[in-house]
Amino acid sequence: MDMMVTWMKVASSYNMMMVSATEVIYRRTMMMASGAMTGPEAMGMVMEKATIYATATERAAVAAAQGADPARITAAALKPYSTKTQSNARKLRG
């Protein structure tokens, strides 16, 4: 049962991340379409991908090395993406 609860939490976190990511994509697309996107925003949008990927990979590797189960490894990898998408959504709301 514990494993089921853990996977449900991972799925819920993933879904929340996807909602935030959708909002970020929408807001950034509107910024690009209206010409309101600044150079630093555009550069940050590109550069954050590699940074988050590296962080997520590191956290998953650490969790795996510590003997975590697959759900906890997945949660560790997902956390940086979730944090960044939620942060971006808040920032873009103004």
N, C-alpha and C. Protein backbone atom coordinates (compact mmCIF):
# COMPACT_ATOMS: atom_id res chain seq x y z
N MET A 1 0.82 -1.20 0.00
CA MET A 1 0.00 0.00 0.00
C MET A 1 0.86 1.26 0.00
N ASP A 2 1.97 1.23 0.75
CA ASP A 2 2.85 2.39 0.82
C ASP A 2 3.38 2.76 -0.56
N MET A 3 3.71 1.76 -1.37
CA MET A 3 4.22 2.03 -2.71
C MET A 3 3.15 2.69 -3.57
N MET A 4 1.91 2.25 -3.42
CA MET A 4 0.80 2.84 -4.18
C MET A 4 0.63 4.31 -3.82
N VAL A 5 0.71 4.62 -2.53
CA VAL A 5 0.58 6.01 -2.08
C VAL A 5 1.72 6.85 -2.64
N THR A 6 2.93 6.30 -2.62
CA THR A 6 4.08 7.02 -3.15
C THR A 6 3.91 7.32 -4.63
N TRP A 7 3.47 6.33 -5.40
CA TRP A 7 3.26 6.56 -6.84
C TRP A 7 2.12 7.55 -7.09
N MET A 8 1.11 7.54 -6.24
CA MET A 8 0.02 8.51 -6.38
C MET A 8 0.53 9.93 -6.13
N LYS A 9 1.42 10.08 -5.16
CA LYS A 9 2.01 11.39 -4.89
C LYS A 9 2.88 11.84 -6.06
N VAL A 10 3.63 10.92 -6.64
CA VAL A 10 4.45 11.25 -7.81
C VAL A 10 3.54 11.69 -8.97
N ALA A 11 2.47 10.95 -9.20
CA ALA A 11 1.54 11.30 -10.29
C ALA A 11 0.89 12.66 -10.05
N SER A 12 0.51 12.92 -8.82
CA SER A 12 -0.10 14.21 -8.48
C SER A 12 0.89 15.35 -8.69
N SER A 13 2.11 15.16 -8.25
CA SER A 13 3.15 16.17 -8.43
C SER A 13 3.42 16.40 -9.92
N TYR A 14 3.44 15.33 -10.69
CA TYR A 14 3.65 15.44 -12.13
C TYR A 14 2.52 16.23 -12.78
N ASN A 15 1.31 15.95 -12.39
CA ASN A 15 0.16 16.66 -12.96
C ASN A 15 0.20 18.14 -12.61
N MET A 16 0.56 18.47 -11.38
CA MET A 16 0.67 19.88 -10.98
C MET A 16 1.77 20.57 -11.79
N MET A 17 2.87 19.87 -12.02
CA MET A 17 3.96 20.42 -12.81
C MET A 17 3.49 20.69 -14.24
N MET A 18 2.73 19.77 -14.79
CA MET A 18 2.24 19.94 -16.17
C MET A 18 1.29 21.13 -16.28
N VAL A 19 0.46 21.35 -15.29
CA VAL A 19 -0.43 22.52 -15.30
C VAL A 19 0.40 23.80 -15.28
N SER A 20 1.40 23.84 -14.42
CA SER A 20 2.28 25.01 -14.36
C SER A 20 3.04 25.19 -15.66
N ALA A 21 3.54 24.11 -16.23
CA ALA A 21 4.28 24.19 -17.49
C ALA A 21 3.39 24.71 -18.62
N THR A 22 2.15 24.27 -18.63
CA THR A 22 1.22 24.75 -19.65
C THR A 22 1.00 26.24 -19.51
N GLU A 23 0.85 26.72 -18.29
CA GLU A 23 0.68 28.15 -18.06
C GLU A 23 1.93 28.93 -18.51
N VAL A 24 3.10 28.41 -18.19
CA VAL A 24 4.34 29.08 -18.58
C VAL A 24 4.45 29.15 -20.10
N ILE A 25 4.17 28.06 -20.77
CA ILE A 25 4.23 28.04 -22.23
C ILE A 25 3.25 29.05 -22.82
N TYR A 26 2.04 29.08 -22.29
CA TYR A 26 1.04 30.03 -22.76
C TYR A 26 1.52 31.47 -22.58
N ARG A 27 1.97 31.79 -21.38
CA ARG A 27 2.38 33.17 -21.08
C ARG A 27 3.60 33.57 -21.91
N ARG A 28 4.55 32.68 -22.06
CA ARG A 28 5.73 33.02 -22.85
C ARG A 28 5.39 33.14 -24.34
N THR A 29 4.50 32.31 -24.81
CA THR A 29 4.07 32.42 -26.20
C THR A 29 3.40 33.77 -26.45
N MET A 30 2.56 34.19 -25.51
CA MET A 30 1.91 35.51 -25.64
C MET A 30 2.93 36.64 -25.61
N MET A 31 3.96 36.48 -24.77
CA MET A 31 5.02 37.49 -24.72
C MET A 31 5.76 37.57 -26.05
N MET A 32 6.07 36.41 -26.63
CA MET A 32 6.76 36.39 -27.92
C MET A 32 5.89 36.98 -29.02
N ALA A 33 4.62 36.60 -29.03
CA ALA A 33 3.70 37.07 -30.07
C ALA A 33 3.49 38.58 -30.01
N SER A 34 3.51 39.14 -28.82
CA SER A 34 3.27 40.57 -28.67
C SER A 34 4.56 41.38 -28.70
N GLY A 35 5.70 40.72 -28.77
CA GLY A 35 6.98 41.42 -28.78
C GLY A 35 7.42 41.91 -27.41
N ALA A 36 6.80 41.39 -26.36
CA ALA A 36 7.10 41.84 -25.00
C ALA A 36 8.22 41.04 -24.33
N MET A 37 8.67 39.96 -24.96
CA MET A 37 9.71 39.15 -24.33
C MET A 37 11.06 39.84 -24.45
N THR A 38 11.73 39.98 -23.31
CA THR A 38 13.05 40.60 -23.31
C THR A 38 14.12 39.58 -23.68
N GLY A 39 15.29 40.09 -24.04
CA GLY A 39 16.41 39.21 -24.35
C GLY A 39 16.80 38.31 -23.18
N PRO A 40 16.93 38.89 -21.97
CA PRO A 40 17.27 38.04 -20.83
C PRO A 40 16.22 36.96 -20.55
N GLU A 41 14.94 37.29 -20.73
CA GLU A 41 13.88 36.29 -20.53
C GLU A 41 14.03 35.16 -21.56
N ALA A 42 14.29 35.52 -22.80
CA ALA A 42 14.46 34.52 -23.86
C ALA A 42 15.68 33.64 -23.58
N MET A 43 16.78 34.25 -23.17
CA MET A 43 17.99 33.48 -22.88
C MET A 43 17.77 32.58 -21.67
N GLY A 44 17.13 33.11 -20.65
CA GLY A 44 16.85 32.31 -19.46
C GLY A 44 15.96 31.13 -19.77
N MET A 45 15.00 31.35 -20.66
CA MET A 45 14.07 30.30 -21.06
C MET A 45 14.84 29.12 -21.67
N VAL A 46 15.87 29.42 -22.44
CA VAL A 46 16.66 28.37 -23.08
C VAL A 46 17.63 27.72 -22.08
N MET A 47 18.32 28.55 -21.33
CA MET A 47 19.38 28.05 -20.44
C MET A 47 18.86 27.25 -19.26
N GLU A 48 17.64 27.54 -18.81
CA GLU A 48 17.13 26.83 -17.63
C GLU A 48 16.94 25.34 -17.89
N LYS A 49 16.73 24.97 -19.13
CA LYS A 49 16.50 23.55 -19.44
C LYS A 49 17.69 22.68 -19.06
N ALA A 50 18.89 23.10 -19.45
CA ALA A 50 20.09 22.30 -19.15
C ALA A 50 20.37 22.26 -17.65
N THR A 51 20.15 23.38 -16.99
CA THR A 51 20.40 23.46 -15.56
C THR A 51 19.46 22.53 -14.79
N ILE A 52 18.19 22.57 -15.12
CA ILE A 52 17.22 21.73 -14.43
C ILE A 52 17.47 20.25 -14.73
N TYR A 53 17.81 19.94 -15.98
CA TYR A 53 18.11 18.55 -16.34
C TYR A 53 19.28 18.02 -15.49
N ALA A 54 20.34 18.83 -15.37
CA ALA A 54 21.50 18.40 -14.59
C ALA A 54 21.13 18.19 -13.12
N THR A 55 20.35 19.11 -12.57
CA THR A 55 19.93 18.98 -11.17
C THR A 55 19.06 17.75 -10.97
N ALA A 56 18.11 17.53 -11.87
CA ALA A 56 17.22 16.38 -11.76
C ALA A 56 17.99 15.07 -11.86
N THR A 57 18.94 15.01 -12.78
CA THR A 57 19.76 13.81 -12.96
C THR A 57 20.59 13.54 -11.72
N GLU A 58 21.17 14.59 -11.17
CA GLU A 58 21.97 14.43 -9.95
C GLU A 58 21.12 13.93 -8.79
N ARG A 59 19.95 14.51 -8.59
CA ARG A 59 19.09 14.09 -7.48
C ARG A 59 18.62 12.65 -7.64
N ALA A 60 18.30 12.27 -8.87
CA ALA A 60 17.89 10.88 -9.11
C ALA A 60 19.05 9.93 -8.85
N ALA A 61 20.25 10.30 -9.27
CA ALA A 61 21.42 9.44 -9.06
C ALA A 61 21.73 9.29 -7.57
N VAL A 62 21.62 10.38 -6.83
CA VAL A 62 21.86 10.32 -5.38
C VAL A 62 20.81 9.43 -4.72
N ALA A 63 19.56 9.60 -5.10
CA ALA A 63 18.49 8.76 -4.52
C ALA A 63 18.75 7.28 -4.83
N ALA A 64 19.13 7.00 -6.07
CA ALA A 64 19.41 5.61 -6.45
C ALA A 64 20.60 5.05 -5.67
N ALA A 65 21.64 5.87 -5.51
CA ALA A 65 22.83 5.43 -4.78
C ALA A 65 22.52 5.16 -3.31
N GLN A 66 21.52 5.86 -2.79
CA GLN A 66 21.12 5.66 -1.39
C GLN A 66 20.15 4.49 -1.24
N GLY A 67 19.83 3.83 -2.35
CA GLY A 67 18.97 2.65 -2.29
C GLY A 67 17.49 2.94 -2.31
N ALA A 68 17.11 4.11 -2.78
CA ALA A 68 15.68 4.46 -2.83
C ALA A 68 14.94 3.57 -3.83
N ASP A 69 13.65 3.40 -3.59
CA ASP A 69 12.84 2.62 -4.51
C ASP A 69 12.55 3.47 -5.76
N PRO A 70 12.06 2.84 -6.84
CA PRO A 70 11.84 3.57 -8.10
C PRO A 70 10.93 4.80 -7.97
N ALA A 71 9.93 4.72 -7.14
CA ALA A 71 9.02 5.87 -6.98
C ALA A 71 9.75 7.05 -6.36
N ARG A 72 10.58 6.78 -5.38
CA ARG A 72 11.32 7.87 -4.73
C ARG A 72 12.41 8.43 -5.65
N ILE A 73 13.00 7.60 -6.46
CA ILE A 73 13.97 8.08 -7.45
C ILE A 73 13.26 8.99 -8.46
N THR A 74 12.10 8.57 -8.90
CA THR A 74 11.31 9.38 -9.83
C THR A 74 10.91 10.70 -9.19
N ALA A 75 10.48 10.66 -7.95
CA ALA A 75 10.10 11.89 -7.24
C ALA A 75 11.30 12.83 -7.11
N ALA A 76 12.47 12.29 -6.83
CA ALA A 76 13.67 13.11 -6.71
C ALA A 76 14.01 13.79 -8.03
N ALA A 77 13.84 13.06 -9.12
CA ALA A 77 14.12 13.63 -10.45
C ALA A 77 13.07 14.66 -10.84
N LEU A 78 11.85 14.46 -10.44
CA LEU A 78 10.75 15.36 -10.82
C LEU A 78 10.77 16.67 -10.04
N LYS A 79 11.25 16.66 -8.83
CA LYS A 79 11.17 17.82 -7.95
C LYS A 79 11.76 19.10 -8.56
N PRO A 80 12.97 19.08 -9.14
CA PRO A 80 13.50 20.32 -9.72
C PRO A 80 12.64 20.88 -10.85
N TYR A 81 12.07 20.01 -11.67
CA TYR A 81 11.19 20.47 -12.75
C TYR A 81 9.94 21.13 -12.17
N SER A 82 9.37 20.49 -11.18
CA SER A 82 8.16 21.01 -10.56
C SER A 82 8.41 22.37 -9.91
N THR A 83 9.50 22.46 -9.18
CA THR A 83 9.85 23.71 -8.52
C THR A 83 10.04 24.84 -9.53
N LYS A 84 10.74 24.56 -10.61
CA LYS A 84 11.03 25.59 -11.61
C LYS A 84 9.78 26.01 -12.37
N THR A 85 8.94 25.06 -12.75
CA THR A 85 7.73 25.45 -13.50
C THR A 85 6.80 26.27 -12.63
N GLN A 86 6.67 25.91 -11.36
CA GLN A 86 5.82 26.70 -10.47
C GLN A 86 6.40 28.09 -10.24
N SER A 87 7.72 28.17 -10.10
CA SER A 87 8.39 29.46 -9.93
C SER A 87 8.20 30.34 -11.17
N ASN A 88 8.38 29.74 -12.34
CA ASN A 88 8.19 30.49 -13.60
C ASN A 88 6.76 30.99 -13.73
N ALA A 89 5.80 30.16 -13.40
CA ALA A 89 4.38 30.56 -13.51
C ALA A 89 4.10 31.76 -12.60
N ARG A 90 4.59 31.70 -11.36
CA ARG A 90 4.39 32.82 -10.43
C ARG A 90 5.06 34.09 -10.97
N LYS A 91 6.27 33.95 -11.46
CA LYS A 91 7.01 35.11 -11.97
C LYS A 91 6.29 35.74 -13.17
N LEU A 92 5.79 34.91 -14.07
CA LEU A 92 5.16 35.43 -15.28
C LEU A 92 3.78 36.01 -15.04
N ARG A 93 3.16 35.65 -13.92
CA ARG A 93 1.85 36.24 -13.59
C ARG A 93 1.99 37.72 -13.24
N GLY A 94 3.20 38.08 -12.85
CA GLY A 94 3.44 39.49 -12.54
C GLY A 94 3.38 39.85 -11.16
